[in-house]
C-alpha atoms as a PDB file:
ATOM      1  CA  MET A   1      38.836 -91.566  -3.902  1.00  0.00           C
ATOM      2  CA  LYS A   2      40.982 -90.279  -1.011  1.00  0.00           C
ATOM      3  CA  ARG A   3      41.105 -86.898  -2.688  1.00  0.00           C
ATOM      4  CA  ILE A   4      37.288 -86.713  -2.898  1.00  0.00           C
ATOM      5  CA  ILE A   5      36.954 -87.616   0.789  1.00  0.00           C
ATOM      6  CA  LEU A   6      39.580 -85.023   1.738  1.00  0.00           C
ATOM      7  CA  VAL A   7      37.807 -82.313  -0.290  1.00  0.00           C
ATOM      8  CA  PHE A   8      34.474 -83.298   1.287  1.00  0.00           C
ATOM      9  CA  ILE A   9      35.966 -83.076   4.806  1.00  0.00           C
ATOM     10  CA  LEU A  10      37.476 -79.655   4.052  1.00  0.00           C
ATOM     11  CA  ILE A  11      34.152 -78.372   2.723  1.00  0.00           C
ATOM     12  CA  LEU A  12      32.402 -79.717   5.827  1.00  0.00           C
ATOM     13  CA  ILE A  13      34.913 -78.024   8.166  1.00  0.00           C
ATOM     14  CA  ILE A  14      34.614 -74.705   6.316  1.00  0.00           C
ATOM     15  CA  ALA A  15      30.809 -74.897   6.419  1.00  0.00           C
ATOM     16  CA  LEU A  16      30.868 -75.598  10.151  1.00  0.00           C
ATOM     17  CA  LEU A  17      33.237 -72.698  10.807  1.00  0.00           C
ATOM     18  CA  LEU A  18      31.104 -70.283   8.787  1.00  0.00           C
ATOM     19  CA  ASN A  19      27.966 -71.283  10.693  1.00  0.00           C
ATOM     20  CA  CYS A  20      29.534 -71.086  14.147  1.00  0.00           C
ATOM     21  CA  GLU A  21      28.446 -68.206  16.295  1.00  0.00           C
ATOM     22  CA  GLY A  22      30.899 -66.637  18.684  1.00  0.00           C
ATOM     23  CA  PRO A  23      30.198 -66.790  22.389  1.00  0.00           C
ATOM     24  CA  LYS A  24      27.106 -64.875  23.364  1.00  0.00           C
ATOM     25  CA  ASP A  25      27.611 -61.947  25.709  1.00  0.00           C
ATOM     26  CA  SER A  26      26.580 -63.278  29.096  1.00  0.00           C
ATOM     27  CA  ASN A  27      26.662 -59.789  30.643  1.00  0.00           C
ATOM     28  CA  PRO A  28      25.069 -57.386  28.164  1.00  0.00           C
ATOM     29  CA  THR A  29      25.353 -53.669  28.901  1.00  0.00           C
ATOM     30  CA  ILE A  30      22.285 -51.434  28.936  1.00  0.00           C
ATOM     31  CA  ASP A  31      22.676 -47.742  28.118  1.00  0.00           C
ATOM     32  CA  LEU A  32      21.270 -45.783  31.037  1.00  0.00           C
ATOM     33  CA  LYS A  33      19.424 -42.531  30.374  1.00  0.00           C
ATOM     34  CA  ALA A  34      20.533 -39.842  32.802  1.00  0.00           C
ATOM     35  CA  GLU A  35      20.897 -36.137  33.240  1.00  0.00           C
ATOM     36  CA  VAL A  36      23.787 -35.047  35.454  1.00  0.00           C
ATOM     37  CA  ASN A  37      24.554 -31.472  36.509  1.00  0.00           C
ATOM     38  CA  PHE A  38      27.166 -29.997  38.832  1.00  0.00           C
ATOM     39  CA  THR A  39      26.180 -27.019  40.998  1.00  0.00           C
ATOM     40  CA  GLY A  40      29.589 -26.333  42.506  1.00  0.00           C
ATOM     41  CA  THR A  41      28.933 -28.342  45.666  1.00  0.00           C
ATOM     42  CA  GLN A  42      26.494 -31.037  44.534  1.00  0.00           C
ATOM     43  CA  LEU A  43      25.870 -33.429  41.691  1.00  0.00           C
ATOM     44  CA  ILE A  44      22.257 -33.519  40.582  1.00  0.00           C
ATOM     45  CA  ILE A  45      21.453 -36.861  38.977  1.00  0.00           C
ATOM     46  CA  LEU A  46      18.159 -37.577  37.241  1.00  0.00           C
ATOM     47  CA  ASN A  47      17.311 -41.157  36.273  1.00  0.00           C
ATOM     48  CA  LYS A  48      15.456 -40.639  32.984  1.00  0.00           C
ATOM     49  CA  ASP A  49      14.705 -44.356  32.553  1.00  0.00           C
ATOM     50  CA  ASP A  50      11.385 -45.976  33.384  1.00  0.00           C
ATOM     51  CA  PHE A  51      13.167 -48.537  35.603  1.00  0.00           C
ATOM     52  CA  ASP A  52      15.201 -48.313  38.795  1.00  0.00           C
ATOM     53  CA  TRP A  53      18.985 -48.627  38.821  1.00  0.00           C
ATOM     54  CA  PRO A  54      20.015 -51.020  41.618  1.00  0.00           C
ATOM     55  CA  ASN A  55      23.525 -51.448  43.074  1.00  0.00           C
ATOM     56  CA  VAL A  56      24.930 -48.231  41.635  1.00  0.00           C
ATOM     57  CA  THR A  57      28.534 -47.061  41.528  1.00  0.00           C
ATOM     58  CA  LEU A  58      29.047 -43.408  40.647  1.00  0.00           C
ATOM     59  CA  GLU A  59      32.567 -42.622  39.477  1.00  0.00           C
ATOM     60  CA  LEU A  60      33.769 -39.029  39.235  1.00  0.00           C
ATOM     61  CA  ASN A  61      36.860 -38.194  37.138  1.00  0.00           C
ATOM     62  CA  LYS A  62      37.597 -41.967  36.933  1.00  0.00           C
ATOM     63  CA  LYS A  63      39.096 -41.694  40.424  1.00  0.00           C
ATOM     64  CA  TYR A  64      36.472 -40.787  43.033  1.00  0.00           C
ATOM     65  CA  ALA A  65      33.602 -43.181  43.714  1.00  0.00           C
ATOM     66  CA  LEU A  66      30.364 -43.445  45.639  1.00  0.00           C
ATOM     67  CA  ASN A  67      28.199 -46.552  45.989  1.00  0.00           C
ATOM     68  CA  VAL A  68      24.425 -46.140  46.158  1.00  0.00           C
ATOM     69  CA  ASP A  69      21.889 -48.910  46.828  1.00  0.00           C
ATOM     70  CA  ILE A  70      19.345 -47.689  44.273  1.00  0.00           C
ATOM     71  CA  ILE A  71      18.489 -44.748  42.051  1.00  0.00           C
ATOM     72  CA  LYS A  72      14.777 -44.825  41.355  1.00  0.00           C
ATOM     73  CA  ALA A  73      13.196 -44.283  37.954  1.00  0.00           C
ATOM     74  CA  ASN A  74      12.358 -40.685  37.032  1.00  0.00           C
ATOM     75  CA  LYS A  75      13.736 -39.377  40.346  1.00  0.00           C
ATOM     76  CA  LYS A  76      16.256 -36.598  40.926  1.00  0.00           C
ATOM     77  CA  TYR A  77      19.015 -36.970  43.519  1.00  0.00           C
ATOM     78  CA  ASN A  78      21.171 -34.208  45.016  1.00  0.00           C
ATOM     79  CA  ILE A  79      24.487 -35.694  46.103  1.00  0.00           C
ATOM     80  CA  PRO A  80      27.029 -33.616  48.034  1.00  0.00           C
ATOM     81  CA  ILE A  81      30.255 -33.746  46.032  1.00  0.00           C
ATOM     82  CA  GLY A  82      32.306 -34.413  49.186  1.00  0.00           C
ATOM     83  CA  GLN A  83      30.761 -37.893  49.474  1.00  0.00           C
ATOM     84  CA  PHE A  84      32.933 -39.071  46.556  1.00  0.00           C
ATOM     85  CA  THR A  85      36.204 -40.622  47.741  1.00  0.00           C
ATOM     86  CA  THR A  86      39.268 -42.346  46.321  1.00  0.00           C
ATOM     87  CA  LYS A  87      40.226 -45.869  47.402  1.00  0.00           C
ATOM     88  CA  ASP A  88      42.454 -44.412  50.131  1.00  0.00           C
ATOM     89  CA  GLY A  89      39.568 -42.297  51.504  1.00  0.00           C
ATOM     90  CA  THR A  90      40.541 -38.911  50.048  1.00  0.00           C
ATOM     91  CA  ARG A  91      37.406 -36.837  49.515  1.00  0.00           C
ATOM     92  CA  PHE A  92      36.688 -34.946  46.311  1.00  0.00           C
ATOM     93  CA  ASN A  93      37.379 -31.251  46.865  1.00  0.00           C
ATOM     94  CA  PRO A  94      35.560 -29.014  44.345  1.00  0.00           C
ATOM     95  CA  PHE A  95      37.743 -26.044  45.359  1.00  0.00           C
ATOM     96  CA  THR A  96      40.925 -27.749  44.162  1.00  0.00           C
ATOM     97  CA  THR A  97      39.621 -30.213  41.558  1.00  0.00           C
ATOM     98  CA  LYS A  98      37.189 -29.665  38.722  1.00  0.00           C
ATOM     99  CA  PRO A  99      34.766 -32.501  37.877  1.00  0.00           C
ATOM    100  CA  THR A 100      35.350 -33.501  34.263  1.00  0.00           C
ATOM    101  CA  SER A 101      33.535 -36.824  33.840  1.00  0.00           C
ATOM    102  CA  ILE A 102      31.020 -39.151  35.448  1.00  0.00           C
ATOM    103  CA  ASN A 103      30.504 -42.871  34.977  1.00  0.00           C
ATOM    104  CA  ILE A 104      27.373 -44.495  36.339  1.00  0.00           C
ATOM    105  CA  TRP A 105      27.372 -48.293  36.670  1.00  0.00           C
ATOM    106  CA  SER A 106      24.390 -50.346  37.796  1.00  0.00           C
ATOM    107  CA  ARG A 107      24.274 -54.080  38.415  1.00  0.00           C
ATOM    108  CA  MET A 108      20.918 -54.992  36.949  1.00  0.00           C
ATOM    109  CA  PRO A 109      18.963 -58.232  37.339  1.00  0.00           C
ATOM    110  CA  GLU A 110      19.864 -61.215  35.144  1.00  0.00           C
ATOM    111  CA  ASN A 111      23.603 -60.328  35.140  1.00  0.00           C
ATOM    112  CA  LYS A 112      23.051 -57.212  33.042  1.00  0.00           C
ATOM    113  CA  ARG A 113      24.975 -54.019  33.650  1.00  0.00           C
ATOM    114  CA  GLY A 114      23.721 -50.519  33.116  1.00  0.00           C
ATOM    115  CA  PHE A 115      26.157 -47.784  32.099  1.00  0.00           C
ATOM    116  CA  TYR A 116      26.109 -44.026  31.560  1.00  0.00           C
ATOM    117  CA  TYR A 117      29.009 -41.711  30.714  1.00  0.00           C
ATOM    118  CA  GLY A 118      28.920 -37.918  30.850  1.00  0.00           C
ATOM    119  CA  GLN A 119      31.500 -35.168  30.811  1.00  0.00           C
ATOM    120  CA  TRP A 120      31.882 -31.445  31.444  1.00  0.00           C
ATOM    121  CA  ASN A 121      34.206 -28.934  29.813  1.00  0.00           C
END
């Protein structure tokens, strides 16, 4: 009788474990649609989504950053490359450093985050 109860408890535990869902992602990431070009002195960023990107952080070469309040849907922005700075305030210099990558982060409503990654050769 004890053996039957033990087997029943084990089957119940296994069934519960198989039906458990892991924790749901409380901060899902949305893939942002963008087009980013470098002219030599400016970044040209086009938001190709049909929604605005609020609270934006642009990150160049994973080192230089620029915070922007909003990038509106279907709008193009020309950003002087010298506005990007490191944490210590060093400005990006396109004459000494080549841009190789861009990350775009947006803090969206409902704790969602938007993200875009692009790179140049």
